[in-house]
PDB file of N, CA and C in Angstrom:
ATOM      1  N   MET A   1     -86.806-256.220  77.697  1.00  0.00           N
ATOM      2  CA  MET A   1     -87.057-255.271  76.633  1.00  0.00           C
ATOM      3  C   MET A   1     -86.663-255.937  75.312  1.00  0.00           C
ATOM      4  N   THR A   2     -87.583-255.920  74.375  1.00  0.00           N
ATOM      5  CA  THR A   2     -87.297-256.510  73.068  1.00  0.00           C
ATOM      6  C   THR A   2     -86.347-255.604  72.290  1.00  0.00           C
ATOM      7  N   PRO A   3     -85.689-256.136  71.278  1.00  0.00           N
ATOM      8  CA  PRO A   3     -84.815-255.285  70.450  1.00  0.00           C
ATOM      9  C   PRO A   3     -85.567-254.093  69.843  1.00  0.00           C
ATOM     10  N   GLN A   4     -86.812-254.302  69.440  1.00  0.00           N
ATOM     11  CA  GLN A   4     -87.591-253.199  68.861  1.00  0.00           C
ATOM     12  C   GLN A   4     -87.925-252.141  69.911  1.00  0.00           C
ATOM     13  N   GLU A   5     -88.281-252.585  71.116  1.00  0.00           N
ATOM     14  CA  GLU A   5     -88.558-251.640  72.203  1.00  0.00           C
ATOM     15  C   GLU A   5     -87.312-250.837  72.548  1.00  0.00           C
ATOM     16  N   LYS A   6     -86.173-251.506  72.568  1.00  0.00           N
ATOM     17  CA  LYS A   6     -84.909-250.816  72.860  1.00  0.00           C
ATOM     18  C   LYS A   6     -84.597-249.789  71.775  1.00  0.00           C
ATOM     19  N   GLN A   7     -84.796-250.166  70.534  1.00  0.00           N
ATOM     20  CA  GLN A   7     -84.536-249.244  69.431  1.00  0.00           C
ATOM     21  C   GLN A   7     -85.472-248.029  69.501  1.00  0.00           C
ATOM     22  N   ASP A   8     -86.740-248.266  69.794  1.00  0.00           N
ATOM     23  CA  ASP A   8     -87.708-247.166  69.908  1.00  0.00           C
ATOM     24  C   ASP A   8     -87.343-246.232  71.058  1.00  0.00           C
ATOM     25  N   LEU A   9     -86.950-246.802  72.195  1.00  0.00           N
ATOM     26  CA  LEU A   9     -86.574-245.988  73.349  1.00  0.00           C
ATOM     27  C   LEU A   9     -85.293-245.209  73.054  1.00  0.00           C
ATOM     28  N   GLU A  10     -84.357-245.832  72.371  1.00  0.00           N
ATOM     29  CA  GLU A  10     -83.111-245.151  72.006  1.00  0.00           C
ATOM     30  C   GLU A  10     -83.398-243.923  71.139  1.00  0.00           C
ATOM     31  N   ILE A  11     -84.325-244.049  70.214  1.00  0.00           N
ATOM     32  CA  ILE A  11     -84.705-242.914  69.359  1.00  0.00           C
ATOM     33  C   ILE A  11     -85.275-241.784  70.211  1.00  0.00           C
ATOM     34  N   LYS A  12     -86.119-242.128  71.176  1.00  0.00           N
ATOM     35  CA  LYS A  12     -86.711-241.115  72.057  1.00  0.00           C
ATOM     36  C   LYS A  12     -85.640-240.437  72.907  1.00  0.00           C
ATOM     37  N   VAL A  13     -84.685-241.230  73.413  1.00  0.00           N
ATOM     38  CA  VAL A  13     -83.595-240.664  74.217  1.00  0.00           C
ATOM     39  C   VAL A  13     -82.798-239.668  73.376  1.00  0.00           C
ATOM     40  N   LYS A  14     -82.467-240.041  72.165  1.00  0.00           N
ATOM     41  CA  LYS A  14     -81.701-239.146  71.286  1.00  0.00           C
ATOM     42  C   LYS A  14     -82.469-237.864  70.995  1.00  0.00           C
ATOM     43  N   GLU A  15     -83.787-237.958  70.867  1.00  0.00           N
ATOM     44  CA  GLU A  15     -84.600-236.753  70.643  1.00  0.00           C
ATOM     45  C   GLU A  15     -84.514-235.809  71.837  1.00  0.00           C
ATOM     46  N   VAL A  16     -84.570-236.358  73.049  1.00  0.00           N
ATOM     47  CA  VAL A  16     -84.447-235.525  74.252  1.00  0.00           C
ATOM     48  C   VAL A  16     -83.052-234.914  74.322  1.00  0.00           C
ATOM     49  N   LEU A  17     -82.027-235.700  74.047  1.00  0.00           N
ATOM     50  CA  LEU A  17     -80.660-235.181  74.080  1.00  0.00           C
ATOM     51  C   LEU A  17     -80.478-234.055  73.063  1.00  0.00           C
ATOM     52  N   ASN A  18     -81.120-234.172  71.911  1.00  0.00           N
ATOM     53  CA  ASN A  18     -81.026-233.111  70.904  1.00  0.00           C
ATOM     54  C   ASN A  18     -81.692-231.823  71.374  1.00  0.00           C
ATOM     55  N   LYS A  19     -82.679-231.923  72.242  1.00  0.00           N
ATOM     56  CA  LYS A  19     -83.309-230.719  72.812  1.00  0.00           C
ATOM     57  C   LYS A  19     -82.375-230.034  73.802  1.00  0.00           C
ATOM     58  N   ILE A  20     -81.567-230.821  74.506  1.00  0.00           N
ATOM     59  CA  ILE A  20     -80.650-230.298  75.530  1.00  0.00           C
ATOM     60  C   ILE A  20     -79.383-229.738  74.906  1.00  0.00           C
ATOM     61  N   ARG A  21     -78.959-230.334  73.820  1.00  0.00           N
ATOM     62  CA  ARG A  21     -77.677-230.019  73.178  1.00  0.00           C
ATOM     63  C   ARG A  21     -77.423-228.515  72.982  1.00  0.00           C
ATOM     64  N   PRO A  22     -78.394-227.711  72.504  1.00  0.00           N
ATOM     65  CA  PRO A  22     -78.103-226.284  72.306  1.00  0.00           C
ATOM     66  C   PRO A  22     -77.685-225.547  73.580  1.00  0.00           C
ATOM     67  N   TYR A  23     -78.220-225.953  74.721  1.00  0.00           N
ATOM     68  CA  TYR A  23     -77.840-225.309  75.982  1.00  0.00           C
ATOM     69  C   TYR A  23     -76.382-225.608  76.326  1.00  0.00           C
ATOM     70  N   LEU A  24     -75.960-226.825  76.067  1.00  0.00           N
ATOM     71  CA  LEU A  24     -74.561-227.185  76.305  1.00  0.00           C
ATOM     72  C   LEU A  24     -73.646-226.477  75.314  1.00  0.00           C
ATOM     73  N   GLN A  25     -74.072-226.412  74.063  1.00  0.00           N
ATOM     74  CA  GLN A  25     -73.262-225.783  73.023  1.00  0.00           C
ATOM     75  C   GLN A  25     -73.094-224.290  73.279  1.00  0.00           C
ATOM     76  N   ASN A  26     -74.078-223.651  73.895  1.00  0.00           N
ATOM     77  CA  ASN A  26     -73.956-222.225  74.235  1.00  0.00           C
ATOM     78  C   ASN A  26     -72.805-221.963  75.196  1.00  0.00           C
ATOM     79  N   ASP A  27     -72.443-222.982  75.982  1.00  0.00           N
ATOM     80  CA  ASP A  27     -71.333-222.856  76.930  1.00  0.00           C
ATOM     81  C   ASP A  27     -70.062-223.529  76.420  1.00  0.00           C
ATOM     82  N   GLY A  28     -70.030-223.866  75.131  1.00  0.00           N
ATOM     83  CA  GLY A  28     -68.837-224.463  74.547  1.00  0.00           C
ATOM     84  C   GLY A  28     -68.727-225.963  74.747  1.00  0.00           C
ATOM     85  N   GLY A  29     -69.813-226.590  75.169  1.00  0.00           N
ATOM     86  CA  GLY A  29     -69.791-228.031  75.395  1.00  0.00           C
ATOM     87  C   GLY A  29     -70.700-228.761  74.429  1.00  0.00           C
ATOM     88  N   ASP A  30     -70.806-230.034  74.632  1.00  0.00           N
ATOM     89  CA  ASP A  30     -71.695-230.866  73.827  1.00  0.00           C
ATOM     90  C   ASP A  30     -71.758-232.234  74.481  1.00  0.00           C
ATOM     91  N   LEU A  31     -72.569-233.100  73.930  1.00  0.00           N
ATOM     92  CA  LEU A  31     -72.614-234.477  74.396  1.00  0.00           C
ATOM     93  C   LEU A  31     -72.902-235.386  73.220  1.00  0.00           C
ATOM     94  N   ARG A  32     -72.544-236.645  73.404  1.00  0.00           N
ATOM     95  CA  ARG A  32     -72.757-237.652  72.371  1.00  0.00           C
ATOM     96  C   ARG A  32     -73.383-238.874  73.016  1.00  0.00           C
ATOM     97  N   PHE A  33     -74.489-239.336  72.437  1.00  0.00           N
ATOM     98  CA  PHE A  33     -75.107-240.570  72.895  1.00  0.00           C
ATOM     99  C   PHE A  33     -74.149-241.724  72.624  1.00  0.00           C
ATOM    100  N   VAL A  34     -73.962-242.600  73.622  1.00  0.00           N
ATOM    101  CA  VAL A  34     -73.079-243.750  73.466  1.00  0.00           C
ATOM    102  C   VAL A  34     -73.881-245.046  73.474  1.00  0.00           C
ATOM    103  N   GLU A  35     -74.730-245.213  74.497  1.00  0.00           N
ATOM    104  CA  GLU A  35     -75.391-246.507  74.644  1.00  0.00           C
ATOM    105  C   GLU A  35     -76.619-246.399  75.536  1.00  0.00           C
ATOM    106  N   LEU A  36     -77.598-247.234  75.248  1.00  0.00           N
ATOM    107  CA  LEU A  36     -78.732-247.480  76.130  1.00  0.00           C
ATOM    108  C   LEU A  36     -78.635-248.947  76.533  1.00  0.00           C
ATOM    109  N   THR A  37     -78.475-249.199  77.819  1.00  0.00           N
ATOM    110  CA  THR A  37     -78.334-250.576  78.279  1.00  0.00           C
ATOM    111  C   THR A  37     -79.706-251.234  78.399  1.00  0.00           C
ATOM    112  N   ASP A  38     -79.700-252.551  78.527  1.00  0.00           N
ATOM    113  CA  ASP A  38     -80.952-253.295  78.679  1.00  0.00           C
ATOM    114  C   ASP A  38     -81.676-252.945  79.975  1.00  0.00           C
ATOM    115  N   ASP A  39     -80.929-252.474  80.978  1.00  0.00           N
ATOM    116  CA  ASP A  39     -81.578-252.065  82.224  1.00  0.00           C
ATOM    117  C   ASP A  39     -81.910-250.568  82.233  1.00  0.00           C
ATOM    118  N   LYS A  40     -81.955-249.975  81.047  1.00  0.00           N
ATOM    119  CA  LYS A  40     -82.441-248.606  80.814  1.00  0.00           C
ATOM    120  C   LYS A  40     -81.578-247.519  81.454  1.00  0.00           C
ATOM    121  N   VAL A  41     -80.277-247.709  81.362  1.00  0.00           N
ATOM    122  CA  VAL A  41     -79.315-246.677  81.745  1.00  0.00           C
ATOM    123  C   VAL A  41     -78.718-246.128  80.455  1.00  0.00           C
ATOM    124  N   VAL A  42     -78.690-244.810  80.354  1.00  0.00           N
ATOM    125  CA  VAL A  42     -78.157-244.129  79.175  1.00  0.00           C
ATOM    126  C   VAL A  42     -76.727-243.691  79.479  1.00  0.00           C
ATOM    127  N   TYR A  43     -75.813-243.964  78.549  1.00  0.00           N
ATOM    128  CA  TYR A  43     -74.437-243.499  78.660  1.00  0.00           C
ATOM    129  C   TYR A  43     -74.196-242.435  77.601  1.00  0.00           C
ATOM    130  N   VAL A  44     -73.620-241.312  78.031  1.00  0.00           N
ATOM    131  CA  VAL A  44     -73.281-240.225  77.118  1.00  0.00           C
ATOM    132  C   VAL A  44     -71.825-239.831  77.335  1.00  0.00           C
ATOM    133  N   GLU A  45     -71.228-239.305  76.293  1.00  0.00           N
ATOM    134  CA  GLU A  45     -69.877-238.761  76.381  1.00  0.00           C
ATOM    135  C   GLU A  45     -69.996-237.248  76.391  1.00  0.00           C
ATOM    136  N   LEU A  46     -69.445-236.626  77.414  1.00  0.00           N
ATOM    137  CA  LEU A  46     -69.427-235.167  77.481  1.00  0.00           C
ATOM    138  C   LEU A  46     -68.261-234.669  76.650  1.00  0.00           C
ATOM    139  N   GLN A  47     -68.500-233.668  75.827  1.00  0.00           N
ATOM    140  CA  GLN A  47     -67.484-233.182  74.898  1.00  0.00           C
ATOM    141  C   GLN A  47     -67.266-231.686  75.064  1.00  0.00           C
ATOM    142  N   GLY A  48     -66.212-231.186  74.431  1.00  0.00           N
ATOM    143  CA  GLY A  48     -65.901-229.764  74.497  1.00  0.00           C
ATOM    144  C   GLY A  48     -65.621-229.351  75.928  1.00  0.00           C
ATOM    145  N   HIS A  49     -66.093-228.177  76.308  1.00  0.00           N
ATOM    146  CA  HIS A  49     -65.871-227.694  77.668  1.00  0.00           C
ATOM    147  C   HIS A  49     -66.533-228.591  78.706  1.00  0.00           C
ATOM    148  N   CYS A  50     -67.598-229.260  78.326  1.00  0.00           N
ATOM    149  CA  CYS A  50     -68.276-230.164  79.272  1.00  0.00           C
ATOM    150  C   CYS A  50     -67.393-231.349  79.658  1.00  0.00           C
ATOM    151  N   GLY A  51     -66.502-231.730  78.782  1.00  0.00           N
ATOM    152  CA  GLY A  51     -65.629-232.866  79.070  1.00  0.00           C
ATOM    153  C   GLY A  51     -64.600-232.579  80.141  1.00  0.00           C
ATOM    154  N   SER A  52     -64.229-231.309  80.287  1.00  0.00           N
ATOM    155  CA  SER A  52     -63.190-230.961  81.257  1.00  0.00           C
ATOM    156  C   SER A  52     -63.673-230.020  82.358  1.00  0.00           C
ATOM    157  N   CYS A  53     -64.932-229.662  82.329  1.00  0.00           N
ATOM    158  CA  CYS A  53     -65.487-228.720  83.301  1.00  0.00           C
ATOM    159  C   CYS A  53     -65.584-229.361  84.680  1.00  0.00           C
ATOM    160  N   PRO A  54     -65.200-228.618  85.728  1.00  0.00           N
ATOM    161  CA  PRO A  54     -65.319-229.169  87.077  1.00  0.00           C
ATOM    162  C   PRO A  54     -66.777-229.389  87.503  1.00  0.00           C
ATOM    163  N   HIS A  55     -67.700-228.764  86.801  1.00  0.00           N
ATOM    164  CA  HIS A  55     -69.129-228.910  87.119  1.00  0.00           C
ATOM    165  C   HIS A  55     -69.817-229.927  86.215  1.00  0.00           C
ATOM    166  N   ALA A  56     -69.050-230.714  85.488  1.00  0.00           N
ATOM    167  CA  ALA A  56     -69.617-231.637  84.506  1.00  0.00           C
ATOM    168  C   ALA A  56     -70.595-232.627  85.134  1.00  0.00           C
ATOM    169  N   MET A  57     -70.273-233.175  86.286  1.00  0.00           N
ATOM    170  CA  MET A  57     -71.174-234.154  86.907  1.00  0.00           C
ATOM    171  C   MET A  57     -72.477-233.503  87.360  1.00  0.00           C
ATOM    172  N   MET A  58     -72.400-232.265  87.815  1.00  0.00           N
ATOM    173  CA  MET A  58     -73.615-231.554  88.197  1.00  0.00           C
ATOM    174  C   MET A  58     -74.473-231.304  86.961  1.00  0.00           C
ATOM    175  N   THR A  59     -73.852-230.905  85.868  1.00  0.00           N
ATOM    176  CA  THR A  59     -74.573-230.700  84.607  1.00  0.00           C
ATOM    177  C   THR A  59     -75.211-232.007  84.156  1.00  0.00           C
ATOM    178  N   LEU A  60     -74.461-233.087  84.268  1.00  0.00           N
ATOM    179  CA  LEU A  60     -74.961-234.380  83.834  1.00  0.00           C
ATOM    180  C   LEU A  60     -76.162-234.815  84.667  1.00  0.00           C
ATOM    181  N   LYS A  61     -76.048-234.750  85.974  1.00  0.00           N
ATOM    182  CA  LYS A  61     -77.089-235.276  86.859  1.00  0.00           C
ATOM    183  C   LYS A  61     -78.272-234.316  87.001  1.00  0.00           C
ATOM    184  N   GLN A  62     -77.996-233.031  87.216  1.00  0.00           N
ATOM    185  CA  GLN A  62     -79.076-232.082  87.467  1.00  0.00           C
ATOM    186  C   GLN A  62     -79.640-231.470  86.200  1.00  0.00           C
ATOM    187  N   GLY A  63     -78.940-231.631  85.101  1.00  0.00           N
ATOM    188  CA  GLY A  63     -79.424-231.089  83.834  1.00  0.00           C
ATOM    189  C   GLY A  63     -79.855-232.180  82.887  1.00  0.00           C
ATOM    190  N   VAL A  64     -78.887-232.916  82.389  1.00  0.00           N
ATOM    191  CA  VAL A  64     -79.157-233.922  81.356  1.00  0.00           C
ATOM    192  C   VAL A  64     -80.038-235.050  81.901  1.00  0.00           C
ATOM    193  N   GLU A  65     -79.612-235.665  82.995  1.00  0.00           N
ATOM    194  CA  GLU A  65     -80.381-236.790  83.535  1.00  0.00           C
ATOM    195  C   GLU A  65     -81.792-236.366  83.915  1.00  0.00           C
ATOM    196  N   GLN A  66     -81.913-235.239  84.565  1.00  0.00           N
ATOM    197  CA  GLN A  66     -83.224-234.764  84.993  1.00  0.00           C
ATOM    198  C   GLN A  66     -84.147-234.536  83.793  1.00  0.00           C
ATOM    199  N   ALA A  67     -83.628-233.942  82.724  1.00  0.00           N
ATOM    200  CA  ALA A  67     -84.439-233.695  81.531  1.00  0.00           C
ATOM    201  C   ALA A  67     -84.859-234.995  80.855  1.00  0.00           C
ATOM    202  N   VAL A  68     -83.943-235.948  80.774  1.00  0.00           N
ATOM    203  CA  VAL A  68     -84.254-237.224  80.125  1.00  0.00           C
ATOM    204  C   VAL A  68     -85.319-237.978  80.920  1.00  0.00           C
ATOM    205  N   ILE A  69     -85.141-238.070  82.230  1.00  0.00           N
ATOM    206  CA  ILE A  69     -86.085-238.826  83.059  1.00  0.00           C
ATOM    207  C   ILE A  69     -87.439-238.123  83.125  1.00  0.00           C
ATOM    208  N   GLU A  70     -87.430-236.811  83.073  1.00  0.00           N
ATOM    209  CA  GLU A  70     -88.698-236.070  83.071  1.00  0.00           C
ATOM    210  C   GLU A  70     -89.544-236.444  81.850  1.00  0.00           C
ATOM    211  N   GLU A  71     -88.915-236.567  80.701  1.00  0.00           N
ATOM    212  CA  GLU A  71     -89.641-236.922  79.476  1.00  0.00           C
ATOM    213  C   GLU A  71     -89.804-238.421  79.302  1.00  0.00           C
ATOM    214  N   LEU A  72     -88.866-239.192  79.848  1.00  0.00           N
ATOM    215  CA  LEU A  72     -88.878-240.650  79.694  1.00  0.00           C
ATOM    216  C   LEU A  72     -88.664-241.293  81.062  1.00  0.00           C
ATOM    217  N   PRO A  73     -89.717-241.365  81.882  1.00  0.00           N
ATOM    218  CA  PRO A  73     -89.556-241.858  83.253  1.00  0.00           C
ATOM    219  C   PRO A  73     -89.086-243.304  83.351  1.00  0.00           C
ATOM    220  N   GLU A  74     -89.146-244.044  82.272  1.00  0.00           N
ATOM    221  CA  GLU A  74     -88.663-245.426  82.301  1.00  0.00           C
ATOM    222  C   GLU A  74     -87.140-245.515  82.330  1.00  0.00           C
ATOM    223  N   ILE A  75     -86.463-244.416  81.997  1.00  0.00           N
ATOM    224  CA  ILE A  75     -85.001-244.380  82.064  1.00  0.00           C
ATOM    225  C   ILE A  75     -84.591-244.323  83.539  1.00  0.00           C
ATOM    226  N   LYS A  76     -83.648-245.186  83.907  1.00  0.00           N
ATOM    227  CA  LYS A  76     -83.214-245.282  85.311  1.00  0.00           C
ATOM    228  C   LYS A  76     -82.153-244.253  85.671  1.00  0.00           C
ATOM    229  N   ALA A  77     -81.236-243.955  84.728  1.00  0.00           N
ATOM    230  CA  ALA A  77     -80.144-243.022  85.009  1.00  0.00           C
ATOM    231  C   ALA A  77     -79.465-242.625  83.703  1.00  0.00           C
ATOM    232  N   VAL A  78     -78.759-241.506  83.770  1.00  0.00           N
ATOM    233  CA  VAL A  78     -77.866-241.093  82.684  1.00  0.00           C
ATOM    234  C   VAL A  78     -76.481-241.001  83.301  1.00  0.00           C
ATOM    235  N   GLU A  79     -75.548-241.733  82.724  1.00  0.00           N
ATOM    236  CA  GLU A  79     -74.191-241.819  83.259  1.00  0.00           C
ATOM    237  C   GLU A  79     -73.180-241.327  82.232  1.00  0.00           C
ATOM    238  N   ARG A  80     -72.053-240.906  82.759  1.00  0.00           N
ATOM    239  CA  ARG A  80     -70.948-240.448  81.910  1.00  0.00           C
ATOM    240  C   ARG A  80     -70.158-241.637  81.383  1.00  0.00           C
ATOM    241  N   TYR A  81     -69.960-241.660  80.103  1.00  0.00           N
ATOM    242  CA  TYR A  81     -69.153-242.709  79.473  1.00  0.00           C
ATOM    243  C   TYR A  81     -67.696-242.314  79.590  1.00  0.00           C
ATOM    244  N   MET A  82     -66.887-243.220  80.068  1.00  0.00           N
ATOM    245  CA  MET A  82     -65.457-242.930  80.226  1.00  0.00           C
ATOM    246  C   MET A  82     -64.654-243.662  79.181  1.00  0.00           C
TER     247      MET A  82
END
């Protein structure tokens, strides 16, 4: 992936995350984009209630990751940044 392709994909990922953000904020949580790796894995930081919620991994995998991959199938995974 060229630097320009990575930058373009990162912009698209952030757009998808911004669509998801209001649903997390309704429950007192949020997320922050951290990184898109060269192998197309997205890292996000879960914030607010999402950072300490026992269901955070389910939200991440079944909510955030699923939404991102649905719109951007080239993304391999969305992982929690520690």
